[in-house]
Amino acid sequence: MKTTKYFEYTRKRPDRAQIKVAWIEYVIDNPEKSEIQSDGRIRKWAKILEVNKYLRVILLADRKTVHNAFFDRSFKED
């Protein structure tokens, strides 16, 4: 999995360290919702059943590089 330096830095935070790479890959491959930001980055969300939370993954415009990943407390199911 290709990542940015920002992602590697934020991954050290206690609230982000628990996020498994497999979960990030799951969201990328099986998003329940996707949006393209004005800067070209892609937001993807999927529910992680193991923790009963929605994980948001932000990809760069290349659609391969992970820039950010976090549990999105404000995500609303459609």
PDB file of N, CA and C in Angstrom:
ATOM      1  N   MET A   1       0.852  -1.181   0.000  1.00  0.00           N
ATOM      2  CA  MET A   1       0.000   0.000   0.000  1.00  0.00           C
ATOM      3  C   MET A   1       0.893   1.238   0.000  1.00  0.00           C
ATOM      4  N   LYS A   2       0.663   2.102  -0.952  1.00  0.00           N
ATOM      5  CA  LYS A   2       1.425   3.332  -1.087  1.00  0.00           C
ATOM      6  C   LYS A   2       0.807   4.400  -0.178  1.00  0.00           C
ATOM      7  N   THR A   3       1.644   5.144   0.550  1.00  0.00           N
ATOM      8  CA  THR A   3       1.152   6.158   1.494  1.00  0.00           C
ATOM      9  C   THR A   3       1.978   7.434   1.396  1.00  0.00           C
ATOM     10  N   THR A   4       1.402   8.517   1.935  1.00  0.00           N
ATOM     11  CA  THR A   4       2.125   9.788   2.012  1.00  0.00           C
ATOM     12  C   THR A   4       2.866   9.868   3.344  1.00  0.00           C
ATOM     13  N   LYS A   5       3.796  10.814   3.441  1.00  0.00           N
ATOM     14  CA  LYS A   5       4.501  11.045   4.707  1.00  0.00           C
ATOM     15  C   LYS A   5       3.518  11.526   5.767  1.00  0.00           C
ATOM     16  N   TYR A   6       2.521  12.308   5.350  1.00  0.00           N
ATOM     17  CA  TYR A   6       1.510  12.779   6.288  1.00  0.00           C
ATOM     18  C   TYR A   6       0.775  11.597   6.930  1.00  0.00           C
ATOM     19  N   PHE A   7       0.401  10.625   6.109  1.00  0.00           N
ATOM     20  CA  PHE A   7      -0.276   9.440   6.629  1.00  0.00           C
ATOM     21  C   PHE A   7       0.614   8.718   7.639  1.00  0.00           C
ATOM     22  N   GLU A   8       1.873   8.532   7.307  1.00  0.00           N
ATOM     23  CA  GLU A   8       2.798   7.843   8.212  1.00  0.00           C
ATOM     24  C   GLU A   8       2.932   8.598   9.536  1.00  0.00           C
ATOM     25  N   TYR A   9       2.957   9.926   9.463  1.00  0.00           N
ATOM     26  CA  TYR A   9       3.059  10.744  10.669  1.00  0.00           C
ATOM     27  C   TYR A   9       1.807  10.611  11.544  1.00  0.00           C
ATOM     28  N   THR A  10       0.627  10.754  10.932  1.00  0.00           N
ATOM     29  CA  THR A  10      -0.608  10.707  11.714  1.00  0.00           C
ATOM     30  C   THR A  10      -0.906   9.304  12.232  1.00  0.00           C
ATOM     31  N   ARG A  11      -0.366   8.308  11.586  1.00  0.00           N
ATOM     32  CA  ARG A  11      -0.586   6.923  12.007  1.00  0.00           C
ATOM     33  C   ARG A  11       0.011   6.639  13.389  1.00  0.00           C
ATOM     34  N   LYS A  12       0.916   7.464  13.832  1.00  0.00           N
ATOM     35  CA  LYS A  12       1.538   7.307  15.148  1.00  0.00           C
ATOM     36  C   LYS A  12       0.624   7.761  16.288  1.00  0.00           C
ATOM     37  N   ARG A  13      -0.425   8.501  15.965  1.00  0.00           N
ATOM     38  CA  ARG A  13      -1.357   8.954  17.005  1.00  0.00           C
ATOM     39  C   ARG A  13      -2.095   7.747  17.593  1.00  0.00           C
ATOM     40  N   PRO A  14      -2.349   7.758  18.887  1.00  0.00           N
ATOM     41  CA  PRO A  14      -3.010   6.604  19.529  1.00  0.00           C
ATOM     42  C   PRO A  14      -4.373   6.250  18.917  1.00  0.00           C
ATOM     43  N   ASP A  15      -5.139   7.256  18.512  1.00  0.00           N
ATOM     44  CA  ASP A  15      -6.460   6.988  17.941  1.00  0.00           C
ATOM     45  C   ASP A  15      -6.386   6.432  16.521  1.00  0.00           C
ATOM     46  N   ARG A  16      -5.250   6.584  15.862  1.00  0.00           N
ATOM     47  CA  ARG A  16      -5.098   6.083  14.497  1.00  0.00           C
ATOM     48  C   ARG A  16      -4.281   4.793  14.427  1.00  0.00           C
ATOM     49  N   ALA A  17      -3.464   4.545  15.438  1.00  0.00           N
ATOM     50  CA  ALA A  17      -2.587   3.369  15.423  1.00  0.00           C
ATOM     51  C   ALA A  17      -3.371   2.064  15.399  1.00  0.00           C
ATOM     52  N   GLN A  18      -4.602   2.092  15.905  1.00  0.00           N
ATOM     53  CA  GLN A  18      -5.421   0.882  15.953  1.00  0.00           C
ATOM     54  C   GLN A  18      -6.042   0.521  14.611  1.00  0.00           C
ATOM     55  N   ILE A  19      -5.965   1.416  13.627  1.00  0.00           N
ATOM     56  CA  ILE A  19      -6.567   1.171  12.316  1.00  0.00           C
ATOM     57  C   ILE A  19      -5.691   0.194  11.542  1.00  0.00           C
ATOM     58  N   LYS A  20      -6.264  -0.939  11.198  1.00  0.00           N
ATOM     59  CA  LYS A  20      -5.524  -1.994  10.502  1.00  0.00           C
ATOM     60  C   LYS A  20      -5.414  -1.699   9.009  1.00  0.00           C
ATOM     61  N   VAL A  21      -4.277  -2.085   8.431  1.00  0.00           N
ATOM     62  CA  VAL A  21      -4.067  -1.923   6.990  1.00  0.00           C
ATOM     63  C   VAL A  21      -5.154  -2.663   6.217  1.00  0.00           C
ATOM     64  N   ALA A  22      -5.552  -3.827   6.685  1.00  0.00           N
ATOM     65  CA  ALA A  22      -6.609  -4.600   6.013  1.00  0.00           C
ATOM     66  C   ALA A  22      -7.913  -3.814   5.953  1.00  0.00           C
ATOM     67  N   TRP A  23      -8.205  -3.046   6.993  1.00  0.00           N
ATOM     68  CA  TRP A  23      -9.427  -2.234   6.987  1.00  0.00           C
ATOM     69  C   TRP A  23      -9.332  -1.133   5.937  1.00  0.00           C
ATOM     70  N   ILE A  24      -8.174  -0.498   5.838  1.00  0.00           N
ATOM     71  CA  ILE A  24      -7.968   0.563   4.841  1.00  0.00           C
ATOM     72  C   ILE A  24      -8.136  -0.016   3.438  1.00  0.00           C
ATOM     73  N   GLU A  25      -7.533  -1.156   3.198  1.00  0.00           N
ATOM     74  CA  GLU A  25      -7.663  -1.804   1.896  1.00  0.00           C
ATOM     75  C   GLU A  25      -9.110  -2.188   1.607  1.00  0.00           C
ATOM     76  N   TYR A  26      -9.829  -2.617   2.630  1.00  0.00           N
ATOM     77  CA  TYR A  26     -11.241  -2.968   2.464  1.00  0.00           C
ATOM     78  C   TYR A  26     -12.038  -1.747   2.013  1.00  0.00           C
ATOM     79  N   VAL A  27     -11.814  -0.611   2.663  1.00  0.00           N
ATOM     80  CA  VAL A  27     -12.549   0.613   2.302  1.00  0.00           C
ATOM     81  C   VAL A  27     -12.234   1.016   0.865  1.00  0.00           C
ATOM     82  N   ILE A  28     -10.975   0.937   0.483  1.00  0.00           N
ATOM     83  CA  ILE A  28     -10.581   1.308  -0.883  1.00  0.00           C
ATOM     84  C   ILE A  28     -11.280   0.416  -1.907  1.00  0.00           C
ATOM     85  N   ASP A  29     -11.367  -0.871  -1.629  1.00  0.00           N
ATOM     86  CA  ASP A  29     -11.941  -1.830  -2.577  1.00  0.00           C
ATOM     87  C   ASP A  29     -13.458  -1.951  -2.490  1.00  0.00           C
ATOM     88  N   ASN A  30     -14.064  -1.579  -1.347  1.00  0.00           N
ATOM     89  CA  ASN A  30     -15.498  -1.783  -1.123  1.00  0.00           C
ATOM     90  C   ASN A  30     -16.176  -0.575  -0.494  1.00  0.00           C
ATOM     91  N   PRO A  31     -16.012   0.601  -1.074  1.00  0.00           N
ATOM     92  CA  PRO A  31     -16.610   1.781  -0.431  1.00  0.00           C
ATOM     93  C   PRO A  31     -18.134   1.753  -0.489  1.00  0.00           C
ATOM     94  N   GLU A  32     -18.748   2.201   0.592  1.00  0.00           N
ATOM     95  CA  GLU A  32     -20.198   2.384   0.598  1.00  0.00           C
ATOM     96  C   GLU A  32     -20.558   3.743   0.009  1.00  0.00           C
ATOM     97  N   LYS A  33     -19.590   4.670   0.098  1.00  0.00           N
ATOM     98  CA  LYS A  33     -19.780   6.006  -0.455  1.00  0.00           C
ATOM     99  C   LYS A  33     -18.421   6.532  -0.890  1.00  0.00           C
ATOM    100  N   SER A  34     -18.393   7.281  -1.995  1.00  0.00           N
ATOM    101  CA  SER A  34     -17.170   7.921  -2.486  1.00  0.00           C
ATOM    102  C   SER A  34     -17.492   9.336  -2.929  1.00  0.00           C
ATOM    103  N   GLU A  35     -16.531  10.231  -2.744  1.00  0.00           N
ATOM    104  CA  GLU A  35     -16.664  11.617  -3.192  1.00  0.00           C
ATOM    105  C   GLU A  35     -15.306  12.085  -3.688  1.00  0.00           C
ATOM    106  N   ILE A  36     -15.333  12.961  -4.678  1.00  0.00           N
ATOM    107  CA  ILE A  36     -14.101  13.593  -5.145  1.00  0.00           C
ATOM    108  C   ILE A  36     -14.077  15.003  -4.577  1.00  0.00           C
ATOM    109  N   GLN A  37     -12.995  15.331  -3.894  1.00  0.00           N
ATOM    110  CA  GLN A  37     -12.831  16.657  -3.302  1.00  0.00           C
ATOM    111  C   GLN A  37     -12.434  17.650  -4.388  1.00  0.00           C
ATOM    112  N   SER A  38     -12.520  18.943  -4.081  1.00  0.00           N
ATOM    113  CA  SER A  38     -12.167  19.990  -5.050  1.00  0.00           C
ATOM    114  C   SER A  38     -10.689  19.943  -5.441  1.00  0.00           C
ATOM    115  N   ASP A  39      -9.847  19.367  -4.573  1.00  0.00           N
ATOM    116  CA  ASP A  39      -8.415  19.258  -4.886  1.00  0.00           C
ATOM    117  C   ASP A  39      -8.070  17.966  -5.635  1.00  0.00           C
ATOM    118  N   GLY A  40      -9.088  17.172  -5.982  1.00  0.00           N
ATOM    119  CA  GLY A  40      -8.887  15.944  -6.740  1.00  0.00           C
ATOM    120  C   GLY A  40      -8.704  14.696  -5.895  1.00  0.00           C
ATOM    121  N   ARG A  41      -8.549  14.878  -4.584  1.00  0.00           N
ATOM    122  CA  ARG A  41      -8.437  13.710  -3.708  1.00  0.00           C
ATOM    123  C   ARG A  41      -9.783  13.005  -3.609  1.00  0.00           C
ATOM    124  N   ILE A  42      -9.722  11.727  -3.289  1.00  0.00           N
ATOM    125  CA  ILE A  42     -10.939  10.904  -3.228  1.00  0.00           C
ATOM    126  C   ILE A  42     -11.204  10.470  -1.796  1.00  0.00           C
ATOM    127  N   ARG A  43     -12.416  10.705  -1.330  1.00  0.00           N
ATOM    128  CA  ARG A  43     -12.850  10.239  -0.012  1.00  0.00           C
ATOM    129  C   ARG A  43     -13.655   8.964  -0.206  1.00  0.00           C
ATOM    130  N   LYS A  44     -13.381   7.971   0.626  1.00  0.00           N
ATOM    131  CA  LYS A  44     -14.143   6.727   0.586  1.00  0.00           C
ATOM    132  C   LYS A  44     -14.492   6.328   2.009  1.00  0.00           C
ATOM    133  N   TRP A  45     -15.710   5.812   2.179  1.00  0.00           N
ATOM    134  CA  TRP A  45     -16.178   5.355   3.480  1.00  0.00           C
ATOM    135  C   TRP A  45     -16.698   3.932   3.392  1.00  0.00           C
ATOM    136  N   ALA A  46     -16.501   3.195   4.455  1.00  0.00           N
ATOM    137  CA  ALA A  46     -17.129   1.876   4.611  1.00  0.00           C
ATOM    138  C   ALA A  46     -17.188   1.569   6.102  1.00  0.00           C
ATOM    139  N   LYS A  47     -18.188   0.771   6.461  1.00  0.00           N
ATOM    140  CA  LYS A  47     -18.337   0.371   7.858  1.00  0.00           C
ATOM    141  C   LYS A  47     -17.412  -0.803   8.154  1.00  0.00           C
ATOM    142  N   ILE A  48     -16.685  -0.690   9.250  1.00  0.00           N
ATOM    143  CA  ILE A  48     -15.816  -1.760   9.716  1.00  0.00           C
ATOM    144  C   ILE A  48     -16.588  -2.484  10.820  1.00  0.00           C
ATOM    145  N   LEU A  49     -17.091  -3.645  10.488  1.00  0.00           N
ATOM    146  CA  LEU A  49     -17.983  -4.372  11.399  1.00  0.00           C
ATOM    147  C   LEU A  49     -17.306  -4.761  12.706  1.00  0.00           C
ATOM    148  N   GLU A  50     -16.009  -5.042  12.663  1.00  0.00           N
ATOM    149  CA  GLU A  50     -15.296  -5.457  13.876  1.00  0.00           C
ATOM    150  C   GLU A  50     -15.370  -4.416  14.983  1.00  0.00           C
ATOM    151  N   VAL A  51     -15.444  -3.143  14.598  1.00  0.00           N
ATOM    152  CA  VAL A  51     -15.492  -2.067  15.596  1.00  0.00           C
ATOM    153  C   VAL A  51     -16.785  -1.257  15.519  1.00  0.00           C
ATOM    154  N   ASN A  52     -17.656  -1.611  14.560  1.00  0.00           N
ATOM    155  CA  ASN A  52     -18.944  -0.952  14.367  1.00  0.00           C
ATOM    156  C   ASN A  52     -18.793   0.564  14.165  1.00  0.00           C
ATOM    157  N   LYS A  53     -17.820   0.940  13.317  1.00  0.00           N
ATOM    158  CA  LYS A  53     -17.560   2.348  13.007  1.00  0.00           C
ATOM    159  C   LYS A  53     -17.297   2.480  11.513  1.00  0.00           C
ATOM    160  N   TYR A  54     -17.521   3.712  11.011  1.00  0.00           N
ATOM    161  CA  TYR A  54     -17.207   4.010   9.619  1.00  0.00           C
ATOM    162  C   TYR A  54     -15.796   4.555   9.519  1.00  0.00           C
ATOM    163  N   LEU A  55     -15.037   3.976   8.601  1.00  0.00           N
ATOM    164  CA  LEU A  55     -13.673   4.409   8.345  1.00  0.00           C
ATOM    165  C   LEU A  55     -13.670   5.252   7.075  1.00  0.00           C
ATOM    166  N   ARG A  56     -13.081   6.441   7.174  1.00  0.00           N
ATOM    167  CA  ARG A  56     -12.915   7.289   5.990  1.00  0.00           C
ATOM    168  C   ARG A  56     -11.459   7.184   5.553  1.00  0.00           C
ATOM    169  N   VAL A  57     -11.263   6.931   4.268  1.00  0.00           N
ATOM    170  CA  VAL A  57      -9.925   6.869   3.693  1.00  0.00           C
ATOM    171  C   VAL A  57      -9.849   7.943   2.614  1.00  0.00           C
ATOM    172  N   ILE A  58      -8.787   8.739   2.669  1.00  0.00           N
ATOM    173  CA  ILE A  58      -8.552   9.776   1.670  1.00  0.00           C
ATOM    174  C   ILE A  58      -7.397   9.329   0.783  1.00  0.00           C
ATOM    175  N   LEU A  59      -7.666   9.253  -0.515  1.00  0.00           N
ATOM    176  CA  LEU A  59      -6.646   8.886  -1.496  1.00  0.00           C
ATOM    177  C   LEU A  59      -6.237  10.124  -2.283  1.00  0.00           C
ATOM    178  N   LEU A  60      -4.993  10.152  -2.723  1.00  0.00           N
ATOM    179  CA  LEU A  60      -4.572  11.221  -3.627  1.00  0.00           C
ATOM    180  C   LEU A  60      -5.265  11.020  -4.970  1.00  0.00           C
ATOM    181  N   ALA A  61      -5.135  12.008  -5.836  1.00  0.00           N
ATOM    182  CA  ALA A  61      -5.808  11.961  -7.141  1.00  0.00           C
ATOM    183  C   ALA A  61      -5.373  10.767  -7.983  1.00  0.00           C
ATOM    184  N   ASP A  62      -4.224  10.157  -7.660  1.00  0.00           N
ATOM    185  CA  ASP A  62      -3.777   8.983  -8.416  1.00  0.00           C
ATOM    186  C   ASP A  62      -4.600   7.734  -8.090  1.00  0.00           C
ATOM    187  N   ARG A  63      -5.492   7.845  -7.094  1.00  0.00           N
ATOM    188  CA  ARG A  63      -6.402   6.779  -6.662  1.00  0.00           C
ATOM    189  C   ARG A  63      -5.685   5.572  -6.043  1.00  0.00           C
ATOM    190  N   LYS A  64      -4.399   5.713  -5.730  1.00  0.00           N
ATOM    191  CA  LYS A  64      -3.623   4.607  -5.171  1.00  0.00           C
ATOM    192  C   LYS A  64      -2.960   4.957  -3.843  1.00  0.00           C
ATOM    193  N   THR A  65      -2.582   6.221  -3.672  1.00  0.00           N
ATOM    194  CA  THR A  65      -1.801   6.643  -2.513  1.00  0.00           C
ATOM    195  C   THR A  65      -2.717   7.083  -1.375  1.00  0.00           C
ATOM    196  N   VAL A  66      -2.571   6.441  -0.216  1.00  0.00           N
ATOM    197  CA  VAL A  66      -3.380   6.771   0.955  1.00  0.00           C
ATOM    198  C   VAL A  66      -2.771   7.996   1.638  1.00  0.00           C
ATOM    199  N   HIS A  67      -3.592   9.035   1.802  1.00  0.00           N
ATOM    200  CA  HIS A  67      -3.153  10.272   2.448  1.00  0.00           C
ATOM    201  C   HIS A  67      -3.630  10.356   3.896  1.00  0.00           C
ATOM    202  N   ASN A  68      -4.796   9.759   4.176  1.00  0.00           N
ATOM    203  CA  ASN A  68      -5.355   9.840   5.521  1.00  0.00           C
ATOM    204  C   ASN A  68      -6.353   8.701   5.706  1.00  0.00           C
ATOM    205  N   ALA A  69      -6.526   8.293   6.946  1.00  0.00           N
ATOM    206  CA  ALA A  69      -7.521   7.274   7.295  1.00  0.00           C
ATOM    207  C   ALA A  69      -7.899   7.481   8.754  1.00  0.00           C
ATOM    208  N   PHE A  70      -9.205   7.576   9.002  1.00  0.00           N
ATOM    209  CA  PHE A  70      -9.666   7.793  10.368  1.00  0.00           C
ATOM    210  C   PHE A  70     -11.118   7.362  10.491  1.00  0.00           C
ATOM    211  N   PHE A  71     -11.531   7.084  11.728  1.00  0.00           N
ATOM    212  CA  PHE A  71     -12.922   6.755  11.982  1.00  0.00           C
ATOM    213  C   PHE A  71     -13.721   8.047  11.964  1.00  0.00           C
ATOM    214  N   ASP A  72     -14.741   8.083  11.122  1.00  0.00           N
ATOM    215  CA  ASP A  72     -15.527   9.291  10.885  1.00  0.00           C
ATOM    216  C   ASP A  72     -16.789   9.259  11.738  1.00  0.00           C
ATOM    217  N   ARG A  73     -16.761   9.953  12.855  1.00  0.00           N
ATOM    218  CA  ARG A  73     -17.910   9.950  13.781  1.00  0.00           C
ATOM    219  C   ARG A  73     -19.107  10.690  13.223  1.00  0.00           C
ATOM    220  N   SER A  74     -18.881  11.560  12.230  1.00  0.00           N
ATOM    221  CA  SER A  74     -19.988  12.345  11.689  1.00  0.00           C
ATOM    222  C   SER A  74     -20.624  11.722  10.451  1.00  0.00           C
ATOM    223  N   PHE A  75     -20.133  10.553   9.984  1.00  0.00           N
ATOM    224  CA  PHE A  75     -20.683   9.934   8.785  1.00  0.00           C
ATOM    225  C   PHE A  75     -22.112   9.482   9.029  1.00  0.00           C
ATOM    226  N   LYS A  76     -22.977   9.810   8.098  1.00  0.00           N
ATOM    227  CA  LYS A  76     -24.387   9.422   8.162  1.00  0.00           C
ATOM    228  C   LYS A  76     -24.697   8.466   7.028  1.00  0.00           C
ATOM    229  N   GLU A  77     -25.294   7.332   7.355  1.00  0.00           N
ATOM    230  CA  GLU A  77     -25.709   6.382   6.326  1.00  0.00           C
ATOM    231  C   GLU A  77     -26.826   7.005   5.499  1.00  0.00           C
ATOM    232  N   ASP A  78     -26.813   6.722   4.207  1.00  0.00           N
ATOM    233  CA  ASP A  78     -27.886   7.240   3.329  1.00  0.00           C
ATOM    234  C   ASP A  78     -29.173   6.519   3.556  1.00  0.00           C
TER     235      ASP A  78
END
